[in-house]
């Protein structure tokens, strides 16, 4: 299994993947280049690092760290990203649940980019391959605006 696939097994969002890549780079920079300096990792970050397969971690060394990280960043930029606009902010657990479901529907090599849009009402909007689909109540109201206004005008007479 390639390096990116291993990272994608436990990471569903673009933001989390970039964060974890930074953690990984920092971890190996500390090990290989400045063992005296120590970055304090959160328990979650430490648990994630410890969950990575041993062969995955062993492939990194002083000579190839920069190249592997560059290759990872290039491969990440080639992945398909599903942008999801939600009317509320989500925590990591919800992102993980949404990510698992979208990977079943779309692809294992998919990343979520979840954005907060308070102007949406009851629903979400998606951008997939550059095409926006708005499934919010706001979009439905906008679509039926003339009919809704006409209905209200009946009661104003």
N, C-alpha and C. Protein backbone atom coordinates (compact mmCIF):
# COMPACT_ATOMS: atom_id res chain seq x y z
N UNK A 1 0.86 -1.18 0.00
CA UNK A 1 0.00 0.00 0.00
C UNK A 1 0.90 1.24 0.00
N UNK A 2 0.57 2.20 -0.81
CA UNK A 2 1.44 3.37 -0.89
C UNK A 2 1.22 4.32 0.30
N UNK A 3 2.13 5.24 0.41
CA UNK A 3 2.17 6.15 1.56
C UNK A 3 0.88 6.94 1.72
N UNK A 4 0.37 7.49 0.63
CA UNK A 4 -0.84 8.30 0.70
C UNK A 4 -2.04 7.46 1.11
N UNK A 5 -2.16 6.25 0.59
CA UNK A 5 -3.29 5.38 0.94
C UNK A 5 -3.34 5.11 2.44
N UNK A 6 -2.17 4.93 3.03
CA UNK A 6 -2.13 4.68 4.48
C UNK A 6 -2.65 5.90 5.24
N UNK A 7 -2.26 7.09 4.81
CA UNK A 7 -2.75 8.30 5.48
C UNK A 7 -4.25 8.48 5.27
N UNK A 8 -4.75 8.11 4.09
CA UNK A 8 -6.17 8.30 3.79
C UNK A 8 -7.06 7.32 4.53
N UNK A 9 -6.50 6.22 5.02
CA UNK A 9 -7.31 5.26 5.77
C UNK A 9 -7.91 5.88 7.03
N UNK A 10 -7.20 6.82 7.62
CA UNK A 10 -7.66 7.40 8.88
C UNK A 10 -7.98 8.88 8.78
N UNK A 11 -7.97 9.41 7.57
CA UNK A 11 -8.17 10.85 7.40
C UNK A 11 -9.15 11.09 6.25
N UNK A 12 -10.22 11.84 6.54
CA UNK A 12 -11.25 12.08 5.53
C UNK A 12 -11.27 13.51 5.00
N UNK A 13 -10.76 14.45 5.76
CA UNK A 13 -10.89 15.84 5.33
C UNK A 13 -9.55 16.41 4.88
N UNK A 14 -9.62 17.33 3.96
CA UNK A 14 -8.43 17.99 3.45
C UNK A 14 -7.69 18.70 4.58
N UNK A 15 -8.42 19.37 5.43
CA UNK A 15 -7.82 20.09 6.55
C UNK A 15 -7.07 19.13 7.49
N UNK A 16 -7.71 18.01 7.83
CA UNK A 16 -7.07 17.03 8.71
C UNK A 16 -5.84 16.40 8.06
N UNK A 17 -5.93 16.14 6.77
CA UNK A 17 -4.80 15.53 6.07
C UNK A 17 -3.60 16.47 6.06
N UNK A 18 -3.84 17.73 5.78
CA UNK A 18 -2.73 18.70 5.79
C UNK A 18 -2.15 18.84 7.20
N UNK A 19 -3.02 18.84 8.20
CA UNK A 19 -2.57 18.93 9.59
C UNK A 19 -1.71 17.72 9.95
N UNK A 20 -2.20 16.54 9.60
CA UNK A 20 -1.47 15.32 9.93
C UNK A 20 -0.15 15.22 9.17
N UNK A 21 -0.13 15.72 7.97
CA UNK A 21 1.11 15.75 7.21
C UNK A 21 2.13 16.66 7.90
N UNK A 22 1.66 17.78 8.44
CA UNK A 22 2.54 18.68 9.19
C UNK A 22 3.06 17.99 10.45
N UNK A 23 2.18 17.27 11.14
CA UNK A 23 2.58 16.53 12.34
C UNK A 23 3.64 15.49 11.98
N UNK A 24 3.41 14.79 10.89
CA UNK A 24 4.36 13.76 10.46
C UNK A 24 5.72 14.37 10.12
N UNK A 25 5.70 15.46 9.36
CA UNK A 25 6.95 16.14 9.00
C UNK A 25 7.67 16.63 10.26
N UNK A 26 6.94 17.24 11.15
CA UNK A 26 7.52 17.75 12.38
C UNK A 26 8.13 16.63 13.22
N UNK A 27 7.40 15.53 13.30
CA UNK A 27 7.85 14.37 14.06
C UNK A 27 9.19 13.85 13.52
N UNK A 28 9.27 13.67 12.21
CA UNK A 28 10.51 13.15 11.62
C UNK A 28 11.63 14.18 11.62
N UNK A 29 11.29 15.44 11.45
CA UNK A 29 12.33 16.48 11.56
C UNK A 29 12.95 16.46 12.95
N UNK A 30 12.10 16.28 13.94
CA UNK A 30 12.60 16.21 15.32
C UNK A 30 13.50 14.99 15.51
N UNK A 31 13.07 13.85 15.01
CA UNK A 31 13.85 12.61 15.17
C UNK A 31 15.19 12.69 14.44
N UNK A 32 15.15 13.14 13.18
CA UNK A 32 16.35 13.08 12.34
C UNK A 32 17.29 14.27 12.49
N UNK A 33 16.74 15.44 12.75
CA UNK A 33 17.56 16.65 12.65
C UNK A 33 17.73 17.43 13.95
N UNK A 34 16.78 17.35 14.84
CA UNK A 34 16.93 18.11 16.09
C UNK A 34 16.30 17.35 17.26
N UNK A 35 16.93 16.25 17.65
CA UNK A 35 16.36 15.44 18.73
C UNK A 35 16.24 16.17 20.07
N UNK A 36 17.03 17.22 20.25
CA UNK A 36 16.97 17.96 21.52
C UNK A 36 15.67 18.75 21.64
N UNK A 37 15.17 19.24 20.50
CA UNK A 37 13.92 20.00 20.52
C UNK A 37 12.75 19.03 20.52
N UNK A 38 11.73 19.38 21.27
CA UNK A 38 10.58 18.50 21.37
C UNK A 38 9.30 19.29 21.21
N UNK A 39 8.51 18.93 20.21
CA UNK A 39 7.21 19.57 20.03
C UNK A 39 6.19 18.78 20.85
N UNK A 40 5.40 19.50 21.60
CA UNK A 40 4.38 18.86 22.40
C UNK A 40 3.20 18.48 21.51
N UNK A 41 2.94 17.19 21.42
CA UNK A 41 1.82 16.70 20.63
C UNK A 41 0.63 16.46 21.55
N UNK A 42 -0.55 16.66 21.00
CA UNK A 42 -1.76 16.37 21.77
C UNK A 42 -1.88 14.85 21.90
N UNK A 43 -2.63 14.37 22.87
CA UNK A 43 -2.83 12.92 22.99
C UNK A 43 -3.42 12.30 21.72
N UNK A 44 -4.33 13.03 21.06
CA UNK A 44 -4.91 12.53 19.81
C UNK A 44 -3.86 12.41 18.72
N UNK A 45 -2.99 13.41 18.61
CA UNK A 45 -1.93 13.37 17.60
C UNK A 45 -0.96 12.22 17.88
N UNK A 46 -0.63 12.05 19.13
CA UNK A 46 0.28 10.98 19.53
C UNK A 46 -0.35 9.61 19.24
N UNK A 47 -1.63 9.48 19.55
CA UNK A 47 -2.34 8.22 19.28
C UNK A 47 -2.36 7.94 17.79
N UNK A 48 -2.58 8.98 16.98
CA UNK A 48 -2.59 8.79 15.53
C UNK A 48 -1.22 8.35 15.03
N UNK A 49 -0.16 9.01 15.48
CA UNK A 49 1.20 8.62 15.08
C UNK A 49 1.49 7.17 15.47
N UNK A 50 1.08 6.79 16.67
CA UNK A 50 1.32 5.42 17.13
C UNK A 50 0.47 4.39 16.39
N UNK A 51 -0.62 4.83 15.77
CA UNK A 51 -1.48 3.91 15.04
C UNK A 51 -0.96 3.60 13.63
N UNK A 52 0.00 4.39 13.17
CA UNK A 52 0.53 4.17 11.83
C UNK A 52 1.34 2.87 11.80
N UNK A 53 1.22 2.11 10.70
CA UNK A 53 1.94 0.83 10.61
C UNK A 53 3.46 1.03 10.69
N UNK A 54 4.11 0.10 11.34
CA UNK A 54 5.56 0.18 11.51
C UNK A 54 6.30 0.26 10.17
N UNK A 55 5.94 -0.55 9.15
CA UNK A 55 6.64 -0.44 7.86
C UNK A 55 6.49 0.95 7.23
N UNK A 56 5.34 1.57 7.46
CA UNK A 56 5.12 2.93 6.95
C UNK A 56 6.12 3.89 7.57
N UNK A 57 6.26 3.83 8.88
CA UNK A 57 7.17 4.73 9.59
C UNK A 57 8.63 4.45 9.27
N UNK A 58 8.95 3.18 9.04
CA UNK A 58 10.34 2.80 8.77
C UNK A 58 10.84 3.23 7.41
N UNK A 59 9.93 3.57 6.50
CA UNK A 59 10.38 3.98 5.17
C UNK A 59 11.02 5.37 5.17
N UNK A 60 10.79 6.14 6.21
CA UNK A 60 11.33 7.50 6.30
C UNK A 60 12.75 7.47 6.87
N UNK A 61 13.63 8.26 6.26
CA UNK A 61 14.98 8.44 6.80
C UNK A 61 15.45 9.85 6.47
N UNK A 62 16.63 10.20 6.94
CA UNK A 62 17.16 11.56 6.73
C UNK A 62 17.28 11.90 5.25
N UNK A 63 17.60 10.92 4.44
CA UNK A 63 17.86 11.17 3.03
C UNK A 63 16.60 11.32 2.18
N UNK A 64 15.52 10.66 2.59
CA UNK A 64 14.33 10.70 1.73
C UNK A 64 13.14 11.45 2.31
N UNK A 65 13.27 11.98 3.51
CA UNK A 65 12.14 12.65 4.16
C UNK A 65 11.57 13.78 3.30
N UNK A 66 12.43 14.64 2.83
CA UNK A 66 11.97 15.78 2.04
C UNK A 66 11.28 15.32 0.76
N UNK A 67 11.85 14.32 0.09
CA UNK A 67 11.27 13.84 -1.17
C UNK A 67 9.92 13.17 -0.94
N UNK A 68 9.81 12.35 0.09
CA UNK A 68 8.53 11.69 0.38
C UNK A 68 7.46 12.72 0.71
N UNK A 69 7.80 13.72 1.50
CA UNK A 69 6.84 14.76 1.86
C UNK A 69 6.41 15.56 0.62
N UNK A 70 7.36 15.87 -0.24
CA UNK A 70 7.03 16.60 -1.48
C UNK A 70 6.11 15.75 -2.35
N UNK A 71 6.42 14.47 -2.48
CA UNK A 71 5.58 13.56 -3.27
C UNK A 71 4.17 13.47 -2.68
N UNK A 72 4.09 13.38 -1.36
CA UNK A 72 2.78 13.34 -0.70
C UNK A 72 1.97 14.60 -0.99
N UNK A 73 2.60 15.75 -0.85
CA UNK A 73 1.91 17.02 -1.11
C UNK A 73 1.44 17.10 -2.56
N UNK A 74 2.26 16.64 -3.50
CA UNK A 74 1.87 16.63 -4.91
C UNK A 74 0.71 15.69 -5.16
N UNK A 75 0.75 14.51 -4.55
CA UNK A 75 -0.34 13.54 -4.72
C UNK A 75 -1.63 14.02 -4.07
N UNK A 76 -1.52 14.70 -2.95
CA UNK A 76 -2.71 15.25 -2.29
C UNK A 76 -3.38 16.29 -3.18
N UNK A 77 -2.58 17.10 -3.84
CA UNK A 77 -3.15 18.14 -4.71
C UNK A 77 -3.87 17.55 -5.91
N UNK A 78 -3.62 16.28 -6.23
CA UNK A 78 -4.28 15.62 -7.37
C UNK A 78 -5.57 14.90 -6.97
N UNK A 79 -5.82 14.77 -5.67
CA UNK A 79 -7.02 14.07 -5.22
C UNK A 79 -8.28 14.88 -5.49
N UNK A 80 -9.38 14.16 -5.67
CA UNK A 80 -10.67 14.83 -5.84
C UNK A 80 -11.14 15.32 -4.47
N UNK A 81 -11.67 16.53 -4.47
CA UNK A 81 -12.15 17.13 -3.23
C UNK A 81 -13.64 17.43 -3.37
N UNK A 82 -14.41 16.96 -2.42
CA UNK A 82 -15.83 17.28 -2.35
C UNK A 82 -15.97 18.41 -1.35
N UNK A 83 -16.39 19.57 -1.84
CA UNK A 83 -16.59 20.72 -0.95
C UNK A 83 -18.03 20.64 -0.44
N UNK A 84 -18.17 20.69 0.86
CA UNK A 84 -19.47 20.57 1.50
C UNK A 84 -19.72 21.81 2.35
N UNK A 85 -20.74 22.56 2.00
CA UNK A 85 -21.12 23.75 2.76
C UNK A 85 -22.25 23.36 3.71
N UNK A 86 -22.06 23.62 4.99
CA UNK A 86 -23.06 23.31 6.00
C UNK A 86 -23.45 24.57 6.76
N UNK A 87 -24.70 24.64 7.26
CA UNK A 87 -25.14 25.82 8.00
C UNK A 87 -24.71 25.80 9.47
N UNK A 88 -23.90 24.83 9.84
CA UNK A 88 -23.42 24.72 11.22
C UNK A 88 -21.99 24.19 11.19
N UNK A 89 -21.28 24.44 12.28
CA UNK A 89 -19.91 23.94 12.38
C UNK A 89 -19.94 22.50 12.88
N UNK A 90 -19.02 21.70 12.38
CA UNK A 90 -18.99 20.29 12.74
C UNK A 90 -17.70 19.95 13.50
N UNK A 91 -17.81 18.93 14.34
CA UNK A 91 -16.62 18.47 15.07
C UNK A 91 -15.97 17.32 14.30
N UNK A 92 -14.85 16.85 14.78
CA UNK A 92 -14.09 15.81 14.09
C UNK A 92 -14.87 14.51 13.94
N UNK A 93 -15.67 14.17 14.93
CA UNK A 93 -16.45 12.93 14.88
C UNK A 93 -17.47 12.97 13.74
N UNK A 94 -18.13 14.11 13.57
CA UNK A 94 -19.11 14.25 12.50
C UNK A 94 -18.41 14.26 11.14
N UNK A 95 -17.27 14.92 11.05
CA UNK A 95 -16.50 14.93 9.80
C UNK A 95 -16.14 13.50 9.42
N UNK A 96 -15.73 12.71 10.40
CA UNK A 96 -15.37 11.31 10.15
C UNK A 96 -16.57 10.52 9.64
N UNK A 97 -17.74 10.72 10.25
CA UNK A 97 -18.95 10.02 9.82
C UNK A 97 -19.33 10.41 8.39
N UNK A 98 -19.30 11.70 8.11
CA UNK A 98 -19.62 12.18 6.76
C UNK A 98 -18.58 11.63 5.77
N UNK A 99 -17.32 11.65 6.17
CA UNK A 99 -16.25 11.17 5.31
C UNK A 99 -16.40 9.70 4.96
N UNK A 100 -16.75 8.87 5.93
CA UNK A 100 -16.93 7.45 5.67
C UNK A 100 -18.08 7.22 4.68
N UNK A 101 -19.16 7.94 4.86
CA UNK A 101 -20.31 7.78 3.97
C UNK A 101 -19.99 8.26 2.55
N UNK A 102 -19.31 9.40 2.43
CA UNK A 102 -19.00 9.91 1.09
C UNK A 102 -18.00 9.02 0.38
N UNK A 103 -17.11 8.39 1.12
CA UNK A 103 -16.16 7.48 0.47
C UNK A 103 -16.85 6.23 -0.04
N UNK A 104 -17.92 5.82 0.61
CA UNK A 104 -18.70 4.68 0.12
C UNK A 104 -19.42 5.09 -1.16
N UNK A 105 -19.98 6.28 -1.17
CA UNK A 105 -20.76 6.75 -2.32
C UNK A 105 -19.87 7.15 -3.49
N UNK A 106 -18.82 7.90 -3.23
CA UNK A 106 -18.01 8.47 -4.30
C UNK A 106 -16.75 7.65 -4.59
N UNK A 107 -15.79 7.70 -3.69
CA UNK A 107 -14.50 7.07 -3.95
C UNK A 107 -13.67 7.02 -2.68
N UNK A 108 -12.81 6.01 -2.59
CA UNK A 108 -11.90 5.92 -1.45
C UNK A 108 -10.85 7.02 -1.48
N UNK A 109 -10.53 7.50 -2.67
CA UNK A 109 -9.52 8.55 -2.81
C UNK A 109 -10.20 9.91 -2.92
N UNK A 110 -11.02 10.21 -1.94
CA UNK A 110 -11.77 11.46 -1.92
C UNK A 110 -11.50 12.17 -0.60
N UNK A 111 -11.40 13.47 -0.67
CA UNK A 111 -11.24 14.27 0.54
C UNK A 111 -12.40 15.23 0.66
N UNK A 112 -12.80 15.49 1.88
CA UNK A 112 -13.84 16.48 2.15
C UNK A 112 -13.19 17.81 2.49
N UNK A 113 -13.80 18.85 2.00
CA UNK A 113 -13.42 20.20 2.41
C UNK A 113 -14.70 20.83 2.94
N UNK A 114 -14.90 20.76 4.25
CA UNK A 114 -16.14 21.21 4.86
C UNK A 114 -16.02 22.68 5.23
N UNK A 115 -17.00 23.44 4.78
CA UNK A 115 -17.00 24.88 5.03
C UNK A 115 -18.30 25.26 5.72
N UNK A 116 -18.21 26.25 6.56
CA UNK A 116 -19.35 26.76 7.31
C UNK A 116 -19.98 27.90 6.52
N UNK A 117 -21.29 27.78 6.25
CA UNK A 117 -22.02 28.83 5.54
C UNK A 117 -23.31 29.13 6.31
N UNK A 118 -23.29 30.15 7.16
CA UNK A 118 -24.46 30.45 7.98
C UNK A 118 -25.67 30.93 7.18
N UNK A 119 -25.47 31.27 5.92
CA UNK A 119 -26.60 31.74 5.12
C UNK A 119 -27.48 30.59 4.62
N UNK A 120 -26.98 29.36 4.70
CA UNK A 120 -27.79 28.21 4.30
C UNK A 120 -28.85 27.95 5.37
N UNK A 121 -29.98 27.44 4.92
CA UNK A 121 -31.05 27.10 5.85
C UNK A 121 -31.40 25.63 5.63
N UNK A 122 -31.32 24.84 6.70
CA UNK A 122 -31.79 23.45 6.68
C UNK A 122 -31.35 22.67 5.45
N UNK A 123 -30.12 22.33 5.38
CA UNK A 123 -29.61 21.53 4.27
C UNK A 123 -28.15 21.81 4.05
N UNK A 124 -27.69 21.48 2.88
CA UNK A 124 -26.28 21.70 2.55
C UNK A 124 -26.13 22.02 1.07
N UNK A 125 -24.95 22.43 0.71
CA UNK A 125 -24.59 22.64 -0.69
C UNK A 125 -23.30 21.87 -0.94
N UNK A 126 -23.18 21.29 -2.12
CA UNK A 126 -22.02 20.50 -2.49
C UNK A 126 -21.38 21.07 -3.74
N UNK A 127 -20.07 20.99 -3.81
CA UNK A 127 -19.36 21.29 -5.05
C UNK A 127 -18.55 20.05 -5.38
N UNK A 128 -18.88 19.43 -6.51
CA UNK A 128 -18.21 18.22 -6.95
C UNK A 128 -17.78 18.41 -8.40
N UNK A 129 -16.50 18.30 -8.64
CA UNK A 129 -15.93 18.48 -9.98
C UNK A 129 -16.34 19.82 -10.57
N UNK A 130 -16.37 20.84 -9.72
CA UNK A 130 -16.65 22.20 -10.16
C UNK A 130 -18.13 22.53 -10.32
N UNK A 131 -19.01 21.60 -10.02
CA UNK A 131 -20.45 21.82 -10.18
C UNK A 131 -21.09 21.98 -8.80
N UNK A 132 -21.77 23.11 -8.60
CA UNK A 132 -22.44 23.40 -7.33
C UNK A 132 -23.85 22.82 -7.35
N UNK A 133 -24.19 22.09 -6.31
CA UNK A 133 -25.55 21.59 -6.09
C UNK A 133 -25.98 22.07 -4.71
N UNK A 134 -27.03 22.87 -4.69
CA UNK A 134 -27.50 23.43 -3.43
C UNK A 134 -28.77 22.69 -3.01
N UNK A 135 -28.69 21.94 -1.94
CA UNK A 135 -29.81 21.16 -1.44
C UNK A 135 -30.39 21.77 -0.17
N UNK A 136 -30.21 23.06 0.01
CA UNK A 136 -30.70 23.71 1.22
C UNK A 136 -32.11 24.25 1.01
N UNK A 137 -32.77 24.52 2.11
CA UNK A 137 -34.09 25.13 2.06
C UNK A 137 -34.00 26.52 1.44
N UNK A 138 -32.91 27.20 1.69
CA UNK A 138 -32.68 28.52 1.11
C UNK A 138 -32.77 28.46 -0.41
N UNK A 139 -32.14 27.48 -1.02
CA UNK A 139 -32.16 27.34 -2.48
C UNK A 139 -33.57 27.02 -2.97
N UNK A 140 -34.28 26.18 -2.24
CA UNK A 140 -35.65 25.81 -2.63
C UNK A 140 -36.58 27.03 -2.54
N UNK A 141 -36.41 27.83 -1.50
CA UNK A 141 -37.22 29.05 -1.36
C UNK A 141 -36.91 30.01 -2.50
N UNK A 142 -35.64 30.15 -2.82
CA UNK A 142 -35.23 31.03 -3.92
C UNK A 142 -35.80 30.54 -5.25
N UNK A 143 -35.80 29.24 -5.43
CA UNK A 143 -36.32 28.64 -6.66
C UNK A 143 -37.83 28.86 -6.80
N UNK A 144 -38.54 28.81 -5.70
CA UNK A 144 -40.01 28.94 -5.71
C UNK A 144 -40.47 30.32 -5.23
N UNK A 145 -39.59 31.30 -5.27
CA UNK A 145 -39.86 32.62 -4.72
C UNK A 145 -41.13 33.25 -5.30
N UNK A 146 -41.28 33.22 -6.61
CA UNK A 146 -42.44 33.84 -7.25
C UNK A 146 -43.74 33.19 -6.77
N UNK A 147 -43.74 31.88 -6.70
CA UNK A 147 -44.94 31.16 -6.27
C UNK A 147 -45.24 31.44 -4.80
N UNK A 148 -44.24 31.51 -3.98
CA UNK A 148 -44.42 31.80 -2.56
C UNK A 148 -44.98 33.21 -2.37
N UNK A 149 -44.42 34.17 -3.08
CA UNK A 149 -44.92 35.55 -2.99
C UNK A 149 -46.36 35.65 -3.47
N UNK A 150 -46.68 34.92 -4.52
CA UNK A 150 -48.05 34.93 -5.05
C UNK A 150 -49.01 34.36 -4.00
N UNK A 151 -48.59 33.32 -3.30
CA UNK A 151 -49.43 32.74 -2.25
C UNK A 151 -49.69 33.74 -1.13
N UNK A 152 -48.68 34.49 -0.75
CA UNK A 152 -48.84 35.49 0.31
C UNK A 152 -49.73 36.65 -0.15
N UNK A 153 -49.64 37.00 -1.41
CA UNK A 153 -50.45 38.12 -1.94
C UNK A 153 -51.93 37.82 -1.86
N UNK A 154 -52.32 36.55 -1.93
CA UNK A 154 -53.73 36.17 -1.83
C UNK A 154 -54.30 36.61 -0.48
N UNK A 155 -53.48 36.53 0.55
CA UNK A 155 -53.95 36.86 1.89
C UNK A 155 -53.88 38.35 2.19
N UNK A 156 -53.17 39.10 1.38
CA UNK A 156 -53.05 40.54 1.60
C UNK A 156 -54.21 41.31 0.98
N UNK A 157 -54.96 40.72 0.12
CA UNK A 157 -56.06 41.41 -0.56
C UNK A 157 -57.28 41.50 0.27
